[in-house]
Amino acid sequence: VYRVLDQFDEAKILIRHNFEGNKSVFELAPTEHHDHIICVDCGKVFEFNDDIIEKRQREITKQHGIELATHSLYLYGKCSN
């Protein structure tokens, strides 16, 4: 199973996320970019997209002479559950 997951990751069919606790979590390759919020208590993962954050990341990389190719943003906190 793990070999197949690795192959799907390499083929960009799945995306591997390495969240806190050294766990690999896989999701189908998204058609649109999104970021993640992870609850440190229960492990629930929330997906979100924020145009202001995306714009600011491009501005910051441009200030440093870098053209942003891709990125991953993981925010950790505690949910209300």
PDB file of N, CA and C in Angstrom:
ATOM      1  N   VAL A   1       0.830  -1.197   0.000  1.00  0.00           N
ATOM      2  CA  VAL A   1       0.000   0.000   0.000  1.00  0.00           C
ATOM      3  C   VAL A   1       0.869   1.253   0.000  1.00  0.00           C
ATOM      4  N   TYR A   2       1.894   1.279   0.847  1.00  0.00           N
ATOM      5  CA  TYR A   2       2.726   2.481   0.945  1.00  0.00           C
ATOM      6  C   TYR A   2       3.490   2.750  -0.345  1.00  0.00           C
ATOM      7  N   ARG A   3       3.914   1.697  -1.021  1.00  0.00           N
ATOM      8  CA  ARG A   3       4.616   1.869  -2.290  1.00  0.00           C
ATOM      9  C   ARG A   3       3.687   2.513  -3.325  1.00  0.00           C
ATOM     10  N   VAL A   4       2.427   2.076  -3.349  1.00  0.00           N
ATOM     11  CA  VAL A   4       1.450   2.651  -4.281  1.00  0.00           C
ATOM     12  C   VAL A   4       1.200   4.118  -3.937  1.00  0.00           C
ATOM     13  N   LEU A   5       1.079   4.432  -2.656  1.00  0.00           N
ATOM     14  CA  LEU A   5       0.890   5.828  -2.248  1.00  0.00           C
ATOM     15  C   LEU A   5       2.079   6.681  -2.677  1.00  0.00           C
ATOM     16  N   ASP A   6       3.283   6.154  -2.512  1.00  0.00           N
ATOM     17  CA  ASP A   6       4.479   6.879  -2.957  1.00  0.00           C
ATOM     18  C   ASP A   6       4.451   7.113  -4.463  1.00  0.00           C
ATOM     19  N   GLN A   7       4.026   6.105  -5.217  1.00  0.00           N
ATOM     20  CA  GLN A   7       3.949   6.250  -6.671  1.00  0.00           C
ATOM     21  C   GLN A   7       2.897   7.283  -7.067  1.00  0.00           C
ATOM     22  N   PHE A   8       1.748   7.275  -6.395  1.00  0.00           N
ATOM     23  CA  PHE A   8       0.709   8.270  -6.670  1.00  0.00           C
ATOM     24  C   PHE A   8       1.195   9.670  -6.321  1.00  0.00           C
ATOM     25  N   ASP A   9       1.973   9.778  -5.253  1.00  0.00           N
ATOM     26  CA  ASP A   9       2.545  11.072  -4.866  1.00  0.00           C
ATOM     27  C   ASP A   9       3.511  11.556  -5.946  1.00  0.00           C
ATOM     28  N   GLU A  10       4.375  10.679  -6.412  1.00  0.00           N
ATOM     29  CA  GLU A  10       5.338  11.037  -7.462  1.00  0.00           C
ATOM     30  C   GLU A  10       4.640  11.413  -8.764  1.00  0.00           C
ATOM     31  N   ALA A  11       3.501  10.777  -9.044  1.00  0.00           N
ATOM     32  CA  ALA A  11       2.750  11.052 -10.271  1.00  0.00           C
ATOM     33  C   ALA A  11       1.824  12.259 -10.119  1.00  0.00           C
ATOM     34  N   LYS A  12       1.831  12.879  -8.945  1.00  0.00           N
ATOM     35  CA  LYS A  12       1.000  14.059  -8.658  1.00  0.00           C
ATOM     36  C   LYS A  12      -0.496  13.742  -8.685  1.00  0.00           C
ATOM     37  N   ILE A  13      -0.847  12.482  -8.420  1.00  0.00           N
ATOM     38  CA  ILE A  13      -2.249  12.092  -8.281  1.00  0.00           C
ATOM     39  C   ILE A  13      -2.701  12.390  -6.859  1.00  0.00           C
ATOM     40  N   LEU A  14      -1.803  12.149  -5.919  1.00  0.00           N
ATOM     41  CA  LEU A  14      -2.026  12.454  -4.508  1.00  0.00           C
ATOM     42  C   LEU A  14      -0.989  13.471  -4.056  1.00  0.00           C
ATOM     43  N   ILE A  15      -1.325  14.176  -2.994  1.00  0.00           N
ATOM     44  CA  ILE A  15      -0.390  15.087  -2.339  1.00  0.00           C
ATOM     45  C   ILE A  15      -0.153  14.552  -0.930  1.00  0.00           C
ATOM     46  N   ARG A  16       1.111  14.443  -0.550  1.00  0.00           N
ATOM     47  CA  ARG A  16       1.461  13.993   0.796  1.00  0.00           C
ATOM     48  C   ARG A  16       1.681  15.219   1.679  1.00  0.00           C
ATOM     49  N   HIS A  17       1.032  15.209   2.837  1.00  0.00           N
ATOM     50  CA  HIS A  17       1.249  16.252   3.836  1.00  0.00           C
ATOM     51  C   HIS A  17       1.857  15.584   5.060  1.00  0.00           C
ATOM     52  N   ASN A  18       2.876  16.194   5.617  1.00  0.00           N
ATOM     53  CA  ASN A  18       3.500  15.687   6.833  1.00  0.00           C
ATOM     54  C   ASN A  18       3.145  16.628   7.968  1.00  0.00           C
ATOM     55  N   PHE A  19       2.028  16.326   8.622  1.00  0.00           N
ATOM     56  CA  PHE A  19       1.570  17.155   9.719  1.00  0.00           C
ATOM     57  C   PHE A  19       2.323  16.790  10.993  1.00  0.00           C
ATOM     58  N   GLU A  20       2.044  17.526  12.045  1.00  0.00           N
ATOM     59  CA  GLU A  20       2.699  17.318  13.331  1.00  0.00           C
ATOM     60  C   GLU A  20       2.552  15.866  13.783  1.00  0.00           C
ATOM     61  N   GLY A  21       3.551  15.359  14.452  1.00  0.00           N
ATOM     62  CA  GLY A  21       3.529  13.988  14.934  1.00  0.00           C
ATOM     63  C   GLY A  21       4.099  13.013  13.923  1.00  0.00           C
ATOM     64  N   ASN A  22       4.742  13.555  12.880  1.00  0.00           N
ATOM     65  CA  ASN A  22       5.393  12.732  11.856  1.00  0.00           C
ATOM     66  C   ASN A  22       4.436  11.805  11.120  1.00  0.00           C
ATOM     67  N   LYS A  23       3.161  12.205  11.010  1.00  0.00           N
ATOM     68  CA  LYS A  23       2.179  11.412  10.287  1.00  0.00           C
ATOM     69  C   LYS A  23       2.076  11.922   8.864  1.00  0.00           C
ATOM     70  N   SER A  24       2.052  11.022   7.910  1.00  0.00           N
ATOM     71  CA  SER A  24       1.788  11.405   6.527  1.00  0.00           C
ATOM     72  C   SER A  24       0.293  11.292   6.283  1.00  0.00           C
ATOM     73  N   VAL A  25      -0.270  12.336   5.710  1.00  0.00           N
ATOM     74  CA  VAL A  25      -1.683  12.358   5.339  1.00  0.00           C
ATOM     75  C   VAL A  25      -1.728  12.623   3.843  1.00  0.00           C
ATOM     76  N   PHE A  26      -2.531  11.846   3.133  1.00  0.00           N
ATOM     77  CA  PHE A  26      -2.634  11.998   1.685  1.00  0.00           C
ATOM     78  C   PHE A  26      -3.995  12.577   1.328  1.00  0.00           C
ATOM     79  N   GLU A  27      -4.009  13.406   0.283  1.00  0.00           N
ATOM     80  CA  GLU A  27      -5.273  13.872  -0.276  1.00  0.00           C
ATOM     81  C   GLU A  27      -5.132  13.873  -1.790  1.00  0.00           C
ATOM     82  N   LEU A  28      -6.271  13.755  -2.469  1.00  0.00           N
ATOM     83  CA  LEU A  28      -6.234  13.840  -3.923  1.00  0.00           C
ATOM     84  C   LEU A  28      -5.647  15.176  -4.321  1.00  0.00           C
ATOM     85  N   ALA A  29      -4.866  15.184  -5.374  1.00  0.00           N
ATOM     86  CA  ALA A  29      -4.247  16.429  -5.838  1.00  0.00           C
ATOM     87  C   ALA A  29      -5.357  17.442  -6.121  1.00  0.00           C
ATOM     88  N   PRO A  30      -5.327  18.571  -5.428  1.00  0.00           N
ATOM     89  CA  PRO A  30      -6.399  19.558  -5.600  1.00  0.00           C
ATOM     90  C   PRO A  30      -6.302  20.255  -6.954  1.00  0.00           C
ATOM     91  N   THR A  31      -7.454  20.673  -7.455  1.00  0.00           N
ATOM     92  CA  THR A  31      -7.461  21.439  -8.699  1.00  0.00           C
ATOM     93  C   THR A  31      -7.163  22.907  -8.418  1.00  0.00           C
ATOM     94  N   GLU A  32      -7.449  23.352  -7.195  1.00  0.00           N
ATOM     95  CA  GLU A  32      -7.137  24.719  -6.783  1.00  0.00           C
ATOM     96  C   GLU A  32      -6.316  24.673  -5.501  1.00  0.00           C
ATOM     97  N   HIS A  33      -5.416  25.645  -5.363  1.00  0.00           N
ATOM     98  CA  HIS A  33      -4.567  25.709  -4.175  1.00  0.00           C
ATOM     99  C   HIS A  33      -5.403  25.978  -2.923  1.00  0.00           C
ATOM    100  N   HIS A  34      -5.008  25.359  -1.818  1.00  0.00           N
ATOM    101  CA  HIS A  34      -5.589  25.667  -0.517  1.00  0.00           C
ATOM    102  C   HIS A  34      -4.543  25.399   0.559  1.00  0.00           C
ATOM    103  N   ASP A  35      -4.772  25.975   1.720  1.00  0.00           N
ATOM    104  CA  ASP A  35      -3.879  25.802   2.861  1.00  0.00           C
ATOM    105  C   ASP A  35      -4.616  25.028   3.944  1.00  0.00           C
ATOM    106  N   HIS A  36      -3.927  24.750   5.053  1.00  0.00           N
ATOM    107  CA  HIS A  36      -4.498  23.888   6.086  1.00  0.00           C
ATOM    108  C   HIS A  36      -4.351  24.487   7.480  1.00  0.00           C
ATOM    109  N   ILE A  37      -5.373  24.235   8.297  1.00  0.00           N
ATOM    110  CA  ILE A  37      -5.325  24.492   9.739  1.00  0.00           C
ATOM    111  C   ILE A  37      -5.494  23.126  10.396  1.00  0.00           C
ATOM    112  N   ILE A  38      -4.604  22.792  11.316  1.00  0.00           N
ATOM    113  CA  ILE A  38      -4.624  21.479  11.952  1.00  0.00           C
ATOM    114  C   ILE A  38      -4.819  21.650  13.449  1.00  0.00           C
ATOM    115  N   CYS A  39      -5.808  20.940  14.003  1.00  0.00           N
ATOM    116  CA  CYS A  39      -6.032  20.966  15.450  1.00  0.00           C
ATOM    117  C   CYS A  39      -4.993  20.068  16.113  1.00  0.00           C
ATOM    118  N   VAL A  40      -4.255  20.625  17.066  1.00  0.00           N
ATOM    119  CA  VAL A  40      -3.200  19.857  17.743  1.00  0.00           C
ATOM    120  C   VAL A  40      -3.770  18.880  18.765  1.00  0.00           C
ATOM    121  N   ASP A  41      -5.051  19.043  19.130  1.00  0.00           N
ATOM    122  CA  ASP A  41      -5.666  18.120  20.086  1.00  0.00           C
ATOM    123  C   ASP A  41      -6.292  16.907  19.402  1.00  0.00           C
ATOM    124  N   CYS A  42      -7.178  17.153  18.442  1.00  0.00           N
ATOM    125  CA  CYS A  42      -7.915  16.040  17.831  1.00  0.00           C
ATOM    126  C   CYS A  42      -7.386  15.637  16.460  1.00  0.00           C
ATOM    127  N   GLY A  43      -6.523  16.459  15.849  1.00  0.00           N
ATOM    128  CA  GLY A  43      -5.955  16.129  14.549  1.00  0.00           C
ATOM    129  C   GLY A  43      -6.818  16.495  13.360  1.00  0.00           C
ATOM    130  N   LYS A  44      -7.979  17.105  13.611  1.00  0.00           N
ATOM    131  CA  LYS A  44      -8.856  17.498  12.504  1.00  0.00           C
ATOM    132  C   LYS A  44      -8.142  18.516  11.619  1.00  0.00           C
ATOM    133  N   VAL A  45      -8.349  18.388  10.305  1.00  0.00           N
ATOM    134  CA  VAL A  45      -7.712  19.273   9.334  1.00  0.00           C
ATOM    135  C   VAL A  45      -8.790  20.093   8.640  1.00  0.00           C
ATOM    136  N   PHE A  46      -8.608  21.408   8.641  1.00  0.00           N
ATOM    137  CA  PHE A  46      -9.514  22.333   7.972  1.00  0.00           C
ATOM    138  C   PHE A  46      -8.781  22.903   6.762  1.00  0.00           C
ATOM    139  N   GLU A  47      -9.441  22.922   5.616  1.00  0.00           N
ATOM    140  CA  GLU A  47      -8.856  23.512   4.416  1.00  0.00           C
ATOM    141  C   GLU A  47      -9.409  24.924   4.246  1.00  0.00           C
ATOM    142  N   PHE A  48      -8.544  25.843   3.784  1.00  0.00           N
ATOM    143  CA  PHE A  48      -9.006  27.204   3.535  1.00  0.00           C
ATOM    144  C   PHE A  48      -8.174  27.838   2.437  1.00  0.00           C
ATOM    145  N   ASN A  49      -8.712  28.902   1.872  1.00  0.00           N
ATOM    146  CA  ASN A  49      -7.991  29.723   0.910  1.00  0.00           C
ATOM    147  C   ASN A  49      -8.282  31.163   1.255  1.00  0.00           C
ATOM    148  N   ASP A  50      -7.255  31.985   1.276  1.00  0.00           N
ATOM    149  CA  ASP A  50      -7.410  33.401   1.597  1.00  0.00           C
ATOM    150  C   ASP A  50      -6.619  34.217   0.590  1.00  0.00           C
ATOM    151  N   ASP A  51      -7.322  35.006  -0.216  1.00  0.00           N
ATOM    152  CA  ASP A  51      -6.672  35.794  -1.262  1.00  0.00           C
ATOM    153  C   ASP A  51      -5.669  36.798  -0.705  1.00  0.00           C
ATOM    154  N   ILE A  52      -5.933  37.341   0.485  1.00  0.00           N
ATOM    155  CA  ILE A  52      -5.016  38.318   1.086  1.00  0.00           C
ATOM    156  C   ILE A  52      -3.697  37.644   1.457  1.00  0.00           C
ATOM    157  N   ILE A  53      -3.772  36.453   2.053  1.00  0.00           N
ATOM    158  CA  ILE A  53      -2.555  35.711   2.403  1.00  0.00           C
ATOM    159  C   ILE A  53      -1.778  35.354   1.142  1.00  0.00           C
ATOM    160  N   GLU A  54      -2.475  34.893   0.114  1.00  0.00           N
ATOM    161  CA  GLU A  54      -1.815  34.525  -1.144  1.00  0.00           C
ATOM    162  C   GLU A  54      -1.102  35.733  -1.753  1.00  0.00           C
ATOM    163  N   LYS A  55      -1.776  36.874  -1.771  1.00  0.00           N
ATOM    164  CA  LYS A  55      -1.183  38.097  -2.329  1.00  0.00           C
ATOM    165  C   LYS A  55       0.048  38.507  -1.528  1.00  0.00           C
ATOM    166  N   ARG A  56      -0.054  38.464  -0.217  1.00  0.00           N
ATOM    167  CA  ARG A  56       1.061  38.885   0.644  1.00  0.00           C
ATOM    168  C   ARG A  56       2.279  37.981   0.457  1.00  0.00           C
ATOM    169  N   GLN A  57       2.056  36.690   0.293  1.00  0.00           N
ATOM    170  CA  GLN A  57       3.178  35.766   0.068  1.00  0.00           C
ATOM    171  C   GLN A  57       3.906  36.102  -1.230  1.00  0.00           C
ATOM    172  N   ARG A  58       3.144  36.427  -2.276  1.00  0.00           N
ATOM    173  CA  ARG A  58       3.773  36.817  -3.548  1.00  0.00           C
ATOM    174  C   ARG A  58       4.555  38.120  -3.387  1.00  0.00           C
ATOM    175  N   GLU A  59       4.005  39.073  -2.630  1.00  0.00           N
ATOM    176  CA  GLU A  59       4.700  40.345  -2.401  1.00  0.00           C
ATOM    177  C   GLU A  59       6.014  40.127  -1.653  1.00  0.00           C
ATOM    178  N   ILE A  60       5.972  39.308  -0.622  1.00  0.00           N
ATOM    179  CA  ILE A  60       7.171  39.049   0.197  1.00  0.00           C
ATOM    180  C   ILE A  60       8.257  38.379  -0.632  1.00  0.00           C
ATOM    181  N   THR A  61       7.885  37.358  -1.405  1.00  0.00           N
ATOM    182  CA  THR A  61       8.907  36.687  -2.210  1.00  0.00           C
ATOM    183  C   THR A  61       9.461  37.625  -3.278  1.00  0.00           C
ATOM    184  N   LYS A  62       8.613  38.458  -3.852  1.00  0.00           N
ATOM    185  CA  LYS A  62       9.067  39.423  -4.863  1.00  0.00           C
ATOM    186  C   LYS A  62      10.068  40.405  -4.256  1.00  0.00           C
ATOM    187  N   GLN A  63       9.814  40.850  -3.017  1.00  0.00           N
ATOM    188  CA  GLN A  63      10.730  41.767  -2.326  1.00  0.00           C
ATOM    189  C   GLN A  63      12.114  41.149  -2.163  1.00  0.00           C
ATOM    190  N   HIS A  64      12.166  39.839  -2.100  1.00  0.00           N
ATOM    191  CA  HIS A  64      13.433  39.127  -1.928  1.00  0.00           C
ATOM    192  C   HIS A  64      14.004  38.634  -3.256  1.00  0.00           C
ATOM    193  N   GLY A  65      13.389  39.067  -4.354  1.00  0.00           N
ATOM    194  CA  GLY A  65      13.883  38.687  -5.670  1.00  0.00           C
ATOM    195  C   GLY A  65      13.569  37.253  -6.056  1.00  0.00           C
ATOM    196  N   ILE A  66      12.539  36.697  -5.462  1.00  0.00           N
ATOM    197  CA  ILE A  66      12.149  35.309  -5.711  1.00  0.00           C
ATOM    198  C   ILE A  66      10.791  35.295  -6.405  1.00  0.00           C
ATOM    199  N   GLU A  67      10.681  34.479  -7.447  1.00  0.00           N
ATOM    200  CA  GLU A  67       9.379  34.256  -8.067  1.00  0.00           C
ATOM    201  C   GLU A  67       8.773  33.020  -7.416  1.00  0.00           C
ATOM    202  N   LEU A  68       7.660  33.195  -6.734  1.00  0.00           N
ATOM    203  CA  LEU A  68       7.026  32.100  -5.997  1.00  0.00           C
ATOM    204  C   LEU A  68       6.513  31.043  -6.968  1.00  0.00           C
ATOM    205  N   ALA A  69       6.993  29.823  -6.809  1.00  0.00           N
ATOM    206  CA  ALA A  69       6.558  28.715  -7.662  1.00  0.00           C
ATOM    207  C   ALA A  69       5.400  27.965  -7.012  1.00  0.00           C
ATOM    208  N   THR A  70       5.555  27.660  -5.741  1.00  0.00           N
ATOM    209  CA  THR A  70       4.521  26.952  -4.992  1.00  0.00           C
ATOM    210  C   THR A  70       4.799  27.139  -3.507  1.00  0.00           C
ATOM    211  N   HIS A  71       3.853  26.775  -2.685  1.00  0.00           N
ATOM    212  CA  HIS A  71       4.073  26.853  -1.242  1.00  0.00           C
ATOM    213  C   HIS A  71       3.062  25.972  -0.518  1.00  0.00           C
ATOM    214  N   SER A  72       3.352  25.707   0.746  1.00  0.00           N
ATOM    215  CA  SER A  72       2.434  25.008   1.640  1.00  0.00           C
ATOM    216  C   SER A  72       2.360  25.806   2.924  1.00  0.00           C
ATOM    217  N   LEU A  73       1.150  26.029   3.398  1.00  0.00           N
ATOM    218  CA  LEU A  73       0.967  26.762   4.647  1.00  0.00           C
ATOM    219  C   LEU A  73       0.158  25.887   5.595  1.00  0.00           C
ATOM    220  N   TYR A  74       0.738  25.585   6.747  1.00  0.00           N
ATOM    221  CA  TYR A  74       0.074  24.808   7.782  1.00  0.00           C
ATOM    222  C   TYR A  74      -0.004  25.670   9.033  1.00  0.00           C
ATOM    223  N   LEU A  75      -1.209  25.889   9.527  1.00  0.00           N
ATOM    224  CA  LEU A  75      -1.419  26.615  10.772  1.00  0.00           C
ATOM    225  C   LEU A  75      -1.886  25.608  11.817  1.00  0.00           C
ATOM    226  N   TYR A  76      -1.320  25.678  13.015  1.00  0.00           N
ATOM    227  CA  TYR A  76      -1.662  24.744  14.081  1.00  0.00           C
ATOM    228  C   TYR A  76      -2.361  25.488  15.206  1.00  0.00           C
ATOM    229  N   GLY A  77      -3.422  24.902  15.737  1.00  0.00           N
ATOM    230  CA  GLY A  77      -4.166  25.503  16.833  1.00  0.00           C
ATOM    231  C   GLY A  77      -5.063  24.458  17.474  1.00  0.00           C
ATOM    232  N   LYS A  78      -6.010  24.940  18.264  1.00  0.00           N
ATOM    233  CA  LYS A  78      -6.950  24.049  18.951  1.00  0.00           C
ATOM    234  C   LYS A  78      -8.365  24.418  18.538  1.00  0.00           C
ATOM    235  N   CYS A  79      -9.101  23.422  18.021  1.00  0.00           N
ATOM    236  CA  CYS A  79     -10.476  23.680  17.599  1.00  0.00           C
ATOM    237  C   CYS A  79     -11.411  23.630  18.806  1.00  0.00           C
ATOM    238  N   SER A  80     -12.653  23.997  18.575  1.00  0.00           N
ATOM    239  CA  SER A  80     -13.623  24.082  19.672  1.00  0.00           C
ATOM    240  C   SER A  80     -14.237  22.737  20.036  1.00  0.00           C
ATOM    241  N   ASN A  81     -13.896  21.669  19.322  1.00  0.00           N
ATOM    242  CA  ASN A  81     -14.490  20.345  19.614  1.00  0.00           C
ATOM    243  C   ASN A  81     -13.876  19.721  20.828  1.00  0.00           C
TER     244      ASN A  81
END
